[in-house]
PDB file of all heavy atoms in Angstrom:
ATOM      1  N   SER A   1     -21.057   0.397-116.576  1.00  0.00           N
ATOM      2  CA  SER A   1     -20.881   1.865-116.706  1.00  0.00           C
ATOM      3  C   SER A   1     -21.078   2.637-115.445  1.00  0.00           C
ATOM      4  O   SER A   1     -21.852   2.166-114.535  1.00  0.00           O
ATOM      5  CB  SER A   1     -21.931   2.379-117.856  1.00  0.00           C
ATOM      6  OG  SER A   1     -21.764   3.781-117.970  1.00  0.00           O
ATOM      7  N   HIS A   2     -20.447   3.833-115.376  1.00  0.00           N
ATOM      8  CA  HIS A   2     -20.639   4.695-114.245  1.00  0.00           C
ATOM      9  C   HIS A   2     -21.548   5.843-114.606  1.00  0.00           C
ATOM     10  O   HIS A   2     -21.901   6.666-113.732  1.00  0.00           O
ATOM     11  CB  HIS A   2     -19.277   5.329-113.768  1.00  0.00           C
ATOM     12  CG  HIS A   2     -18.379   4.371-113.048  1.00  0.00           C
ATOM     13  ND1 HIS A   2     -17.255   3.774-113.490  1.00  0.00           N
ATOM     14  CD2 HIS A   2     -18.646   3.948-111.769  1.00  0.00           C
ATOM     15  CE1 HIS A   2     -16.706   3.057-112.630  1.00  0.00           C
ATOM     16  NE2 HIS A   2     -17.455   2.990-111.534  1.00  0.00           N
ATOM     17  N   LEU A   3     -21.937   5.925-115.816  1.00  0.00           N
ATOM     18  CA  LEU A   3     -22.866   6.986-116.260  1.00  0.00           C
ATOM     19  C   LEU A   3     -24.326   6.572-116.084  1.00  0.00           C
ATOM     20  O   LEU A   3     -24.879   5.878-116.929  1.00  0.00           O
ATOM     21  CB  LEU A   3     -22.578   7.352-117.757  1.00  0.00           C
ATOM     22  CG  LEU A   3     -21.201   7.826-118.119  1.00  0.00           C
ATOM     23  CD1 LEU A   3     -21.087   8.114-119.613  1.00  0.00           C
ATOM     24  CD2 LEU A   3     -20.921   9.131-117.354  1.00  0.00           C
ATOM     25  N   MET A   4     -24.858   7.045-114.884  1.00  0.00           N
ATOM     26  CA  MET A   4     -26.170   6.484-114.498  1.00  0.00           C
ATOM     27  C   MET A   4     -27.235   7.128-115.586  1.00  0.00           C
ATOM     28  O   MET A   4     -28.234   6.392-115.923  1.00  0.00           O
ATOM     29  CB  MET A   4     -26.534   7.071-113.167  1.00  0.00           C
ATOM     30  CG  MET A   4     -25.691   6.521-112.103  1.00  0.00           C
ATOM     31  SD  MET A   4     -25.900   4.798-111.902  1.00  0.00           S
ATOM     32  CE  MET A   4     -24.120   4.228-112.159  1.00  0.00           C
ATOM     33  N   SER A   5     -27.095   8.302-116.060  1.00  0.00           N
ATOM     34  CA  SER A   5     -28.048   8.858-116.931  1.00  0.00           C
ATOM     35  C   SER A   5     -28.086   8.048-118.311  1.00  0.00           C
ATOM     36  O   SER A   5     -29.204   7.834-118.810  1.00  0.00           O
ATOM     37  CB  SER A   5     -27.671  10.304-117.263  1.00  0.00           C
ATOM     38  OG  SER A   5     -26.411  10.389-117.912  1.00  0.00           O
ATOM     39  N   GLU A   6     -26.865   7.603-118.652  1.00  0.00           N
ATOM     40  CA  GLU A   6     -26.896   6.668-119.858  1.00  0.00           C
ATOM     41  C   GLU A   6     -27.464   5.326-119.589  1.00  0.00           C
ATOM     42  O   GLU A   6     -28.207   4.786-120.451  1.00  0.00           O
ATOM     43  CB  GLU A   6     -25.429   6.636-120.358  1.00  0.00           C
ATOM     44  CG  GLU A   6     -25.381   5.998-121.701  1.00  0.00           C
ATOM     45  CD  GLU A   6     -26.213   6.652-122.849  1.00  0.00           C
ATOM     46  OE1 GLU A   6     -26.421   7.888-122.761  1.00  0.00           O
ATOM     47  OE2 GLU A   6     -26.720   5.978-123.610  1.00  0.00           O
ATOM     48  N   MET A   7     -27.215   4.728-118.487  1.00  0.00           N
ATOM     49  CA  MET A   7     -27.776   3.432-118.161  1.00  0.00           C
ATOM     50  C   MET A   7     -29.344   3.466-118.027  1.00  0.00           C
ATOM     51  O   MET A   7     -29.950   2.578-118.439  1.00  0.00           O
ATOM     52  CB  MET A   7     -27.174   2.945-116.764  1.00  0.00           C
ATOM     53  CG  MET A   7     -25.848   2.251-116.968  1.00  0.00           C
ATOM     54  SD  MET A   7     -25.886   0.674-117.796  1.00  0.00           S
ATOM     55  CE  MET A   7     -25.486   1.217-119.434  1.00  0.00           C
ATOM     56  N   ALA A   8     -29.802   4.637-117.514  1.00  0.00           N
ATOM     57  CA  ALA A   8     -31.244   4.773-117.428  1.00  0.00           C
ATOM     58  C   ALA A   8     -31.933   4.659-118.771  1.00  0.00           C
ATOM     59  O   ALA A   8     -33.065   4.306-118.941  1.00  0.00           O
ATOM     60  CB  ALA A   8     -31.595   6.035-116.731  1.00  0.00           C
ATOM     61  N   LEU A   9     -31.180   5.209-119.854  1.00  0.00           N
ATOM     62  CA  LEU A   9     -31.736   5.236-121.224  1.00  0.00           C
ATOM     63  C   LEU A   9     -31.450   3.939-122.022  1.00  0.00           C
ATOM     64  O   LEU A   9     -32.159   3.628-122.977  1.00  0.00           O
ATOM     65  CB  LEU A   9     -31.145   6.399-121.927  1.00  0.00           C
ATOM     66  CG  LEU A   9     -31.485   7.788-121.446  1.00  0.00           C
ATOM     67  CD1 LEU A   9     -30.640   8.920-122.143  1.00  0.00           C
ATOM     68  CD2 LEU A   9     -32.964   8.127-121.738  1.00  0.00           C
ATOM     69  N   THR A  10     -30.473   3.194-121.522  1.00  0.00           N
ATOM     70  CA  THR A  10     -30.015   1.995-122.315  1.00  0.00           C
ATOM     71  C   THR A  10     -30.443   0.738-121.814  1.00  0.00           C
ATOM     72  O   THR A  10     -30.957  -0.198-122.545  1.00  0.00           O
ATOM     73  CB  THR A  10     -28.450   2.021-122.362  1.00  0.00           C
ATOM     74  OG1 THR A  10     -27.995   3.194-122.897  1.00  0.00           O
ATOM     75  CG2 THR A  10     -27.924   0.897-123.266  1.00  0.00           C
ATOM     76  N   ALA A  11     -30.302   0.476-120.466  1.00  0.00           N
ATOM     77  CA  ALA A  11     -30.604  -0.777-119.887  1.00  0.00           C
ATOM     78  C   ALA A  11     -32.024  -1.016-119.457  1.00  0.00           C
ATOM     79  O   ALA A  11     -32.732  -0.010-119.132  1.00  0.00           O
ATOM     80  CB  ALA A  11     -29.691  -1.037-118.703  1.00  0.00           C
ATOM     81  N   GLU A  12     -32.520  -2.212-119.482  1.00  0.00           N
ATOM     82  CA  GLU A  12     -33.821  -2.693-119.000  1.00  0.00           C
ATOM     83  C   GLU A  12     -33.687  -3.387-117.625  1.00  0.00           C
ATOM     84  O   GLU A  12     -34.632  -3.272-116.774  1.00  0.00           O
ATOM     85  CB  GLU A  12     -34.580  -3.549-119.995  1.00  0.00           C
ATOM     86  CG  GLU A  12     -34.907  -2.937-121.235  1.00  0.00           C
ATOM     87  CD  GLU A  12     -35.593  -3.913-122.124  1.00  0.00           C
ATOM     88  OE1 GLU A  12     -36.689  -4.472-121.643  1.00  0.00           O
ATOM     89  OE2 GLU A  12     -35.197  -4.066-123.207  1.00  0.00           O
ATOM     90  N   HIS A  13     -32.498  -3.995-117.342  1.00  0.00           N
ATOM     91  CA  HIS A  13     -32.299  -4.755-116.191  1.00  0.00           C
ATOM     92  C   HIS A  13     -31.014  -4.346-115.552  1.00  0.00           C
ATOM     93  O   HIS A  13     -30.145  -3.873-116.278  1.00  0.00           O
ATOM     94  CB  HIS A  13     -32.339  -6.311-116.477  1.00  0.00           C
ATOM     95  CG  HIS A  13     -32.554  -7.117-115.324  1.00  0.00           C
ATOM     96  ND1 HIS A  13     -33.733  -7.442-114.825  1.00  0.00           N
ATOM     97  CD2 HIS A  13     -31.632  -7.703-114.454  1.00  0.00           C
ATOM     98  CE1 HIS A  13     -33.620  -8.146-113.666  1.00  0.00           C
ATOM     99  NE2 HIS A  13     -32.375  -8.388-113.473  1.00  0.00           N
ATOM    100  N   LEU A  14     -30.866  -4.542-114.253  1.00  0.00           N
ATOM    101  CA  LEU A  14     -29.617  -4.055-113.555  1.00  0.00           C
ATOM    102  C   LEU A  14     -29.140  -5.184-112.652  1.00  0.00           C
ATOM    103  O   LEU A  14     -29.893  -5.858-111.942  1.00  0.00           O
ATOM    104  CB  LEU A  14     -29.849  -2.794-112.665  1.00  0.00           C
ATOM    105  CG  LEU A  14     -30.185  -1.598-113.484  1.00  0.00           C
ATOM    106  CD1 LEU A  14     -30.477  -0.470-112.369  1.00  0.00           C
ATOM    107  CD2 LEU A  14     -29.127  -1.069-114.343  1.00  0.00           C
ATOM    108  N   ILE A  15     -27.793  -5.350-112.633  1.00  0.00           N
ATOM    109  CA  ILE A  15     -27.113  -6.085-111.636  1.00  0.00           C
ATOM    110  C   ILE A  15     -26.263  -5.115-110.865  1.00  0.00           C
ATOM    111  O   ILE A  15     -25.426  -4.434-111.503  1.00  0.00           O
ATOM    112  CB  ILE A  15     -26.115  -7.166-112.227  1.00  0.00           C
ATOM    113  CG1 ILE A  15     -26.910  -8.183-113.196  1.00  0.00           C
ATOM    114  CG2 ILE A  15     -25.468  -7.870-111.083  1.00  0.00           C
ATOM    115  CD1 ILE A  15     -27.906  -8.984-112.478  1.00  0.00           C
ATOM    116  N   VAL A  16     -26.543  -4.878-109.659  1.00  0.00           N
ATOM    117  CA  VAL A  16     -25.788  -3.876-108.861  1.00  0.00           C
ATOM    118  C   VAL A  16     -24.930  -4.659-107.730  1.00  0.00           C
ATOM    119  O   VAL A  16     -25.514  -5.468-106.971  1.00  0.00           O
ATOM    120  CB  VAL A  16     -26.744  -2.938-108.166  1.00  0.00           C
ATOM    121  CG1 VAL A  16     -25.974  -1.754-107.377  1.00  0.00           C
ATOM    122  CG2 VAL A  16     -27.700  -2.240-109.262  1.00  0.00           C
ATOM    123  N   ILE A  17     -23.676  -4.310-107.655  1.00  0.00           N
ATOM    124  CA  ILE A  17     -22.864  -4.806-106.611  1.00  0.00           C
ATOM    125  C   ILE A  17     -22.157  -3.789-105.819  1.00  0.00           C
ATOM    126  O   ILE A  17     -21.981  -2.669-106.249  1.00  0.00           O
ATOM    127  CB  ILE A  17     -21.816  -5.893-107.143  1.00  0.00           C
ATOM    128  CG1 ILE A  17     -20.750  -5.103-108.069  1.00  0.00           C
ATOM    129  CG2 ILE A  17     -22.518  -6.968-107.907  1.00  0.00           C
ATOM    130  CD1 ILE A  17     -19.650  -6.129-108.494  1.00  0.00           C
ATOM    131  N   GLY A  18     -21.739  -4.069-104.654  1.00  0.00           N
ATOM    132  CA  GLY A  18     -21.005  -3.190-103.737  1.00  0.00           C
ATOM    133  C   GLY A  18     -20.062  -4.060-102.885  1.00  0.00           C
ATOM    134  O   GLY A  18     -20.537  -5.114-102.248  1.00  0.00           O
ATOM    135  N   ARG A  19     -18.849  -3.646-102.771  1.00  0.00           N
ATOM    136  CA  ARG A  19     -17.803  -4.402-102.088  1.00  0.00           C
ATOM    137  C   ARG A  19     -17.863  -5.840-102.340  1.00  0.00           C
ATOM    138  O   ARG A  19     -17.684  -6.822-101.527  1.00  0.00           O
ATOM    139  CB  ARG A  19     -18.006  -4.242-100.519  1.00  0.00           C
ATOM    140  CG  ARG A  19     -17.740  -2.753-100.093  1.00  0.00           C
ATOM    141  CD  ARG A  19     -17.819  -2.636 -98.548  1.00  0.00           C
ATOM    142  NE  ARG A  19     -17.752  -1.207 -98.189  1.00  0.00           N
ATOM    143  CZ  ARG A  19     -16.725  -0.568 -97.980  1.00  0.00           C
ATOM    144  NH1 ARG A  19     -15.415  -1.175 -98.179  1.00  0.00           N
ATOM    145  NH2 ARG A  19     -16.678   0.721 -97.562  1.00  0.00           N
ATOM    146  N   GLY A  20     -18.013  -6.182-103.630  1.00  0.00           N
ATOM    147  CA  GLY A  20     -18.046  -7.633-104.162  1.00  0.00           C
ATOM    148  C   GLY A  20     -19.364  -8.319-103.967  1.00  0.00           C
ATOM    149  O   GLY A  20     -19.424  -9.479-104.463  1.00  0.00           O
ATOM    150  N   LYS A  21     -20.290  -7.768-103.238  1.00  0.00           N
ATOM    151  CA  LYS A  21     -21.555  -8.511-102.938  1.00  0.00           C
ATOM    152  C   LYS A  21     -22.693  -8.049-103.837  1.00  0.00           C
ATOM    153  O   LYS A  21     -22.748  -6.849-104.250  1.00  0.00           O
ATOM    154  CB  LYS A  21     -21.926  -8.325-101.517  1.00  0.00           C
ATOM    155  CG  LYS A  21     -20.990  -9.081-100.504  1.00  0.00           C
ATOM    156  CD  LYS A  21     -21.476  -8.834 -99.076  1.00  0.00           C
ATOM    157  CE  LYS A  21     -20.676  -9.594 -98.047  1.00  0.00           C
ATOM    158  NZ  LYS A  21     -20.933 -11.069 -98.136  1.00  0.00           N
ATOM    159  N   LEU A  22     -23.621  -8.942-104.129  1.00  0.00           N
ATOM    160  CA  LEU A  22     -24.829  -8.526-104.879  1.00  0.00           C
ATOM    161  C   LEU A  22     -25.795  -7.672-104.041  1.00  0.00           C
ATOM    162  O   LEU A  22     -26.115  -8.027-102.905  1.00  0.00           O
ATOM    163  CB  LEU A  22     -25.578  -9.827-105.305  1.00  0.00           C
ATOM    164  CG  LEU A  22     -26.774  -9.595-106.134  1.00  0.00           C
ATOM    165  CD1 LEU A  22     -26.374  -9.038-107.510  1.00  0.00           C
ATOM    166  CD2 LEU A  22     -27.631 -10.930-106.362  1.00  0.00           C
ATOM    167  N   LEU A  23     -26.057  -6.507-104.569  1.00  0.00           N
ATOM    168  CA  LEU A  23     -26.941  -5.601-103.873  1.00  0.00           C
ATOM    169  C   LEU A  23     -28.340  -5.561-104.469  1.00  0.00           C
ATOM    170  O   LEU A  23     -29.412  -5.448-103.833  1.00  0.00           O
ATOM    171  CB  LEU A  23     -26.469  -4.191-103.891  1.00  0.00           C
ATOM    172  CG  LEU A  23     -25.106  -3.957-103.214  1.00  0.00           C
ATOM    173  CD1 LEU A  23     -24.801  -2.488-103.223  1.00  0.00           C
ATOM    174  CD2 LEU A  23     -25.135  -4.359-101.721  1.00  0.00           C
ATOM    175  N   ALA A  24     -28.423  -5.768-105.832  1.00  0.00           N
ATOM    176  CA  ALA A  24     -29.740  -5.805-106.524  1.00  0.00           C
ATOM    177  C   ALA A  24     -29.622  -6.515-107.827  1.00  0.00           C
ATOM    178  O   ALA A  24     -28.582  -6.543-108.515  1.00  0.00           O
ATOM    179  CB  ALA A  24     -30.171  -4.435-106.789  1.00  0.00           C
ATOM    180  N   ASP A  25     -30.653  -7.235-108.182  1.00  0.00           N
ATOM    181  CA  ASP A  25     -30.857  -7.951-109.467  1.00  0.00           C
ATOM    182  C   ASP A  25     -32.267  -7.761-109.879  1.00  0.00           C
ATOM    183  O   ASP A  25     -33.215  -8.487-109.565  1.00  0.00           O
ATOM    184  CB  ASP A  25     -30.459  -9.435-109.266  1.00  0.00           C
ATOM    185  CG  ASP A  25     -30.541 -10.153-110.582  1.00  0.00           C
ATOM    186  OD1 ASP A  25     -30.990  -9.610-111.630  1.00  0.00           O
ATOM    187  OD2 ASP A  25     -29.998 -11.366-110.598  1.00  0.00           O
ATOM    188  N   THR A  26     -32.633  -6.652-110.673  1.00  0.00           N
ATOM    189  CA  THR A  26     -33.934  -6.218-110.823  1.00  0.00           C
ATOM    190  C   THR A  26     -34.066  -5.402-112.035  1.00  0.00           C
ATOM    191  O   THR A  26     -33.059  -5.007-112.599  1.00  0.00           O
ATOM    192  CB  THR A  26     -34.432  -5.459-109.561  1.00  0.00           C
ATOM    193  OG1 THR A  26     -35.815  -5.141-109.712  1.00  0.00           O
ATOM    194  CG2 THR A  26     -33.682  -4.180-109.380  1.00  0.00           C
ATOM    195  N   SER A  27     -35.244  -5.085-112.480  1.00  0.00           N
ATOM    196  CA  SER A  27     -35.410  -4.215-113.616  1.00  0.00           C
ATOM    197  C   SER A  27     -35.062  -2.716-113.201  1.00  0.00           C
ATOM    198  O   SER A  27     -35.064  -2.379-112.009  1.00  0.00           O
ATOM    199  CB  SER A  27     -36.918  -4.222-114.055  1.00  0.00           C
ATOM    200  OG  SER A  27     -37.723  -3.596-113.128  1.00  0.00           O
ATOM    201  N   VAL A  28     -34.710  -1.906-114.172  1.00  0.00           N
ATOM    202  CA  VAL A  28     -34.462  -0.502-113.892  1.00  0.00           C
ATOM    203  C   VAL A  28     -35.625   0.164-113.221  1.00  0.00           C
ATOM    204  O   VAL A  28     -35.419   0.868-112.157  1.00  0.00           O
ATOM    205  CB  VAL A  28     -34.065   0.229-115.182  1.00  0.00           C
ATOM    206  CG1 VAL A  28     -33.968   1.782-114.948  1.00  0.00           C
ATOM    207  CG2 VAL A  28     -32.782  -0.323-115.805  1.00  0.00           C
ATOM    208  N   ALA A  29     -36.878  -0.070-113.704  1.00  0.00           N
ATOM    209  CA  ALA A  29     -37.977   0.552-113.086  1.00  0.00           C
ATOM    210  C   ALA A  29     -38.158   0.190-111.703  1.00  0.00           C
ATOM    211  O   ALA A  29     -38.409   1.013-110.741  1.00  0.00           O
ATOM    212  CB  ALA A  29     -39.224   0.263-113.923  1.00  0.00           C
ATOM    213  N   ASP A  30     -37.991  -1.115-111.334  1.00  0.00           N
ATOM    214  CA  ASP A  30     -38.223  -1.557-109.993  1.00  0.00           C
ATOM    215  C   ASP A  30     -37.064  -1.097-109.155  1.00  0.00           C
ATOM    216  O   ASP A  30     -37.321  -0.739-107.911  1.00  0.00           O
ATOM    217  CB  ASP A  30     -38.251  -3.152-109.995  1.00  0.00           C
ATOM    218  CG  ASP A  30     -39.588  -3.727-110.455  1.00  0.00           C
ATOM    219  OD1 ASP A  30     -40.491  -2.882-110.589  1.00  0.00           O
ATOM    220  OD2 ASP A  30     -39.680  -4.850-110.739  1.00  0.00           O
ATOM    221  N   PHE A  31     -35.900  -0.999-109.621  1.00  0.00           N
ATOM    222  CA  PHE A  31     -34.780  -0.582-108.828  1.00  0.00           C
ATOM    223  C   PHE A  31     -34.980   0.992-108.392  1.00  0.00           C
ATOM    224  O   PHE A  31     -34.738   1.278-107.233  1.00  0.00           O
ATOM    225  CB  PHE A  31     -33.467  -0.629-109.564  1.00  0.00           C
ATOM    226  CG  PHE A  31     -32.197  -0.111-108.892  1.00  0.00           C
ATOM    227  CD1 PHE A  31     -31.587  -0.976-107.987  1.00  0.00           C
ATOM    228  CD2 PHE A  31     -31.729   1.171-109.125  1.00  0.00           C
ATOM    229  CE1 PHE A  31     -30.508  -0.470-107.356  1.00  0.00           C
ATOM    230  CE2 PHE A  31     -30.579   1.639-108.487  1.00  0.00           C
ATOM    231  CZ  PHE A  31     -29.964   0.799-107.566  1.00  0.00           C
ATOM    232  N   ILE A  32     -35.384   1.752-109.292  1.00  0.00           N
ATOM    233  CA  ILE A  32     -35.659   3.178-108.971  1.00  0.00           C
ATOM    234  C   ILE A  32     -36.804   3.195-107.965  1.00  0.00           C
ATOM    235  O   ILE A  32     -36.761   3.941-106.977  1.00  0.00           O
ATOM    236  CB  ILE A  32     -36.000   3.930-110.212  1.00  0.00           C
ATOM    237  CG1 ILE A  32     -34.727   4.064-111.075  1.00  0.00           C
ATOM    238  CG2 ILE A  32     -36.507   5.344-109.904  1.00  0.00           C
ATOM    239  CD1 ILE A  32     -34.962   4.724-112.463  1.00  0.00           C
ATOM    240  N   GLU A  33     -37.917   2.478-108.180  1.00  0.00           N
ATOM    241  CA  GLU A  33     -39.054   2.452-107.333  1.00  0.00           C
ATOM    242  C   GLU A  33     -38.629   2.027-105.851  1.00  0.00           C
ATOM    243  O   GLU A  33     -39.091   2.704-104.829  1.00  0.00           O
ATOM    244  CB  GLU A  33     -40.127   1.525-107.866  1.00  0.00           C
ATOM    245  CG  GLU A  33     -41.400   1.532-107.035  1.00  0.00           C
ATOM    246  CD  GLU A  33     -42.169   2.741-106.999  1.00  0.00           C
ATOM    247  OE1 GLU A  33     -42.063   3.598-107.923  1.00  0.00           O
ATOM    248  OE2 GLU A  33     -42.878   3.018-105.981  1.00  0.00           O
ATOM    249  N   GLN A  34     -37.840   1.039-105.729  1.00  0.00           N
ATOM    250  CA  GLN A  34     -37.414   0.506-104.455  1.00  0.00           C
ATOM    251  C   GLN A  34     -36.442   1.312-103.701  1.00  0.00           C
ATOM    252  O   GLN A  34     -36.316   1.213-102.460  1.00  0.00           O
ATOM    253  CB  GLN A  34     -36.848  -0.839-104.542  1.00  0.00           C
ATOM    254  CG  GLN A  34     -37.884  -1.908-105.093  1.00  0.00           C
ATOM    255  CD  GLN A  34     -37.283  -3.196-105.537  1.00  0.00           C
ATOM    256  OE1 GLN A  34     -36.069  -3.437-105.572  1.00  0.00           O
ATOM    257  NE2 GLN A  34     -38.124  -4.020-106.265  1.00  0.00           N
ATOM    258  N   ASN A  35     -35.745   2.171-104.430  1.00  0.00           N
ATOM    259  CA  ASN A  35     -34.641   3.044-103.806  1.00  0.00           C
ATOM    260  C   ASN A  35     -34.919   4.503-103.950  1.00  0.00           C
ATOM    261  O   ASN A  35     -33.989   5.402-103.955  1.00  0.00           O
ATOM    262  CB  ASN A  35     -33.332   2.733-104.423  1.00  0.00           C
ATOM    263  CG  ASN A  35     -32.942   1.229-104.057  1.00  0.00           C
ATOM    264  OD1 ASN A  35     -32.542   0.944-102.973  1.00  0.00           O
ATOM    265  ND2 ASN A  35     -33.145   0.359-105.045  1.00  0.00           N
ATOM    266  N   SER A  36     -36.188   4.851-104.186  1.00  0.00           N
ATOM    267  CA  SER A  36     -36.437   6.342-104.340  1.00  0.00           C
ATOM    268  C   SER A  36     -37.119   6.932-103.109  1.00  0.00           C
ATOM    269  O   SER A  36     -37.732   6.312-102.329  1.00  0.00           O
ATOM    270  CB  SER A  36     -37.648   6.483-105.498  1.00  0.00           C
ATOM    271  OG  SER A  36     -37.046   6.162-106.755  1.00  0.00           O
ATOM    272  N   ALA A  37     -36.728   8.244-102.988  1.00  0.00           N
ATOM    273  CA  ALA A  37     -37.384   9.033-102.049  1.00  0.00           C
ATOM    274  C   ALA A  37     -38.498   9.801-102.762  1.00  0.00           C
ATOM    275  O   ALA A  37     -38.335  10.805-103.362  1.00  0.00           O
ATOM    276  CB  ALA A  37     -36.396  10.056-101.425  1.00  0.00           C
ATOM    277  N   GLY A  38     -39.728   9.216-102.797  1.00  0.00           N
ATOM    278  CA  GLY A  38     -40.744   9.808-103.553  1.00  0.00           C
ATOM    279  C   GLY A  38     -41.430  10.902-102.790  1.00  0.00           C
ATOM    280  O   GLY A  38     -41.020  11.400-101.765  1.00  0.00           O
ATOM    281  N   GLY A  39     -42.577  11.512-103.369  1.00  0.00           N
ATOM    282  CA  GLY A  39     -43.309  12.541-102.781  1.00  0.00           C
ATOM    283  C   GLY A  39     -43.551  13.608-103.782  1.00  0.00           C
ATOM    284  O   GLY A  39     -43.387  13.527-104.977  1.00  0.00           O
ATOM    285  N   VAL A  40     -43.980  14.732-103.277  1.00  0.00           N
ATOM    286  CA  VAL A  40     -44.429  15.892-104.076  1.00  0.00           C
ATOM    287  C   VAL A  40     -43.449  17.066-103.734  1.00  0.00           C
ATOM    288  O   VAL A  40     -43.221  17.287-102.510  1.00  0.00           O
ATOM    289  CB  VAL A  40     -45.905  16.291-103.814  1.00  0.00           C
ATOM    290  CG1 VAL A  40     -46.239  17.493-104.633  1.00  0.00           C
ATOM    291  CG2 VAL A  40     -46.808  15.185-104.206  1.00  0.00           C
ATOM    292  N   ARG A  41     -43.032  17.731-104.789  1.00  0.00           N
ATOM    293  CA  ARG A  41     -42.202  18.967-104.578  1.00  0.00           C
ATOM    294  C   ARG A  41     -42.934  20.126-104.855  1.00  0.00           C
ATOM    295  O   ARG A  41     -43.703  20.140-105.853  1.00  0.00           O
ATOM    296  CB  ARG A  41     -40.928  18.799-105.337  1.00  0.00           C
ATOM    297  CG  ARG A  41     -39.916  17.785-104.758  1.00  0.00           C
ATOM    298  CD  ARG A  41     -38.602  17.884-105.458  1.00  0.00           C
ATOM    299  NE  ARG A  41     -37.743  16.878-104.857  1.00  0.00           N
ATOM    300  CZ  ARG A  41     -36.369  16.685-105.253  1.00  0.00           C
ATOM    301  NH1 ARG A  41     -35.913  17.362-106.198  1.00  0.00           N
ATOM    302  NH2 ARG A  41     -35.693  15.788-104.605  1.00  0.00           N
ATOM    303  N   ILE A  42     -42.697  21.172-104.127  1.00  0.00           N
ATOM    304  CA  ILE A  42     -43.367  22.511-104.244  1.00  0.00           C
ATOM    305  C   ILE A  42     -42.378  23.580-104.099  1.00  0.00           C
ATOM    306  O   ILE A  42     -41.509  23.607-103.185  1.00  0.00           O
ATOM    307  CB  ILE A  42     -44.652  22.503-103.248  1.00  0.00           C
ATOM    308  CG1 ILE A  42     -45.407  23.803-103.597  1.00  0.00           C
ATOM    309  CG2 ILE A  42     -44.101  22.524-101.836  1.00  0.00           C
ATOM    310  CD1 ILE A  42     -46.774  23.770-102.903  1.00  0.00           C
ATOM    311  N   ARG A  43     -42.528  24.616-104.994  1.00  0.00           N
ATOM    312  CA  ARG A  43     -41.752  25.885-104.765  1.00  0.00           C
ATOM    313  C   ARG A  43     -42.677  26.985-104.594  1.00  0.00           C
ATOM    314  O   ARG A  43     -43.622  27.243-105.331  1.00  0.00           O
ATOM    315  CB  ARG A  43     -40.846  25.979-106.007  1.00  0.00           C
ATOM    316  CG  ARG A  43     -39.905  27.232-106.055  1.00  0.00           C
ATOM    317  CD  ARG A  43     -38.810  27.163-107.089  1.00  0.00           C
ATOM    318  NE  ARG A  43     -39.409  27.228-108.454  1.00  0.00           N
ATOM    319  CZ  ARG A  43     -39.834  28.265-109.085  1.00  0.00           C
ATOM    320  NH1 ARG A  43     -39.562  29.542-108.463  1.00  0.00           N
ATOM    321  NH2 ARG A  43     -40.316  28.258-110.257  1.00  0.00           N
ATOM    322  N   THR A  44     -42.378  27.758-103.547  1.00  0.00           N
ATOM    323  CA  THR A  44     -43.273  28.844-103.146  1.00  0.00           C
ATOM    324  C   THR A  44     -42.488  30.003-102.628  1.00  0.00           C
ATOM    325  O   THR A  44     -41.390  29.801-101.969  1.00  0.00           O
ATOM    326  CB  THR A  44     -44.337  28.425-102.113  1.00  0.00           C
ATOM    327  OG1 THR A  44     -44.958  29.556-101.650  1.00  0.00           O
ATOM    328  CG2 THR A  44     -43.626  27.801-100.972  1.00  0.00           C
ATOM    329  N   PRO A  45     -42.909  31.224-102.834  1.00  0.00           N
ATOM    330  CA  PRO A  45     -42.220  32.398-102.245  1.00  0.00           C
ATOM    331  C   PRO A  45     -42.505  32.572-100.680  1.00  0.00           C
ATOM    332  O   PRO A  45     -42.047  33.462-100.093  1.00  0.00           O
ATOM    333  CB  PRO A  45     -42.657  33.575-103.030  1.00  0.00           C
ATOM    334  CG  PRO A  45     -44.051  33.175-103.545  1.00  0.00           C
ATOM    335  CD  PRO A  45     -43.942  31.713-103.754  1.00  0.00           C
ATOM    336  N   GLN A  46     -43.420  31.727-100.195  1.00  0.00           N
ATOM    337  CA  GLN A  46     -43.907  31.721 -98.797  1.00  0.00           C
ATOM    338  C   GLN A  46     -43.589  30.335 -98.140  1.00  0.00           C
ATOM    339  O   GLN A  46     -44.506  29.695 -97.678  1.00  0.00           O
ATOM    340  CB  GLN A  46     -45.338  31.974 -98.808  1.00  0.00           C
ATOM    341  CG  GLN A  46     -45.724  33.377 -99.454  1.00  0.00           C
ATOM    342  CD  GLN A  46     -47.298  33.525 -99.651  1.00  0.00           C
ATOM    343  OE1 GLN A  46     -47.788  33.094-100.654  1.00  0.00           O
ATOM    344  NE2 GLN A  46     -47.942  34.082 -98.618  1.00  0.00           N
TER     345      GLN A  46
END
């Protein structure tokens, strides 16, 4: 599927490929953790 929001709700494991090569073979949770830009977000008028 190309619908990432749906895959996040449906799948537990992911096989990810790019240009025919394997990029990832991992759980959804680990995939997000390994490819996330984490941190804290803050909104302020200053």
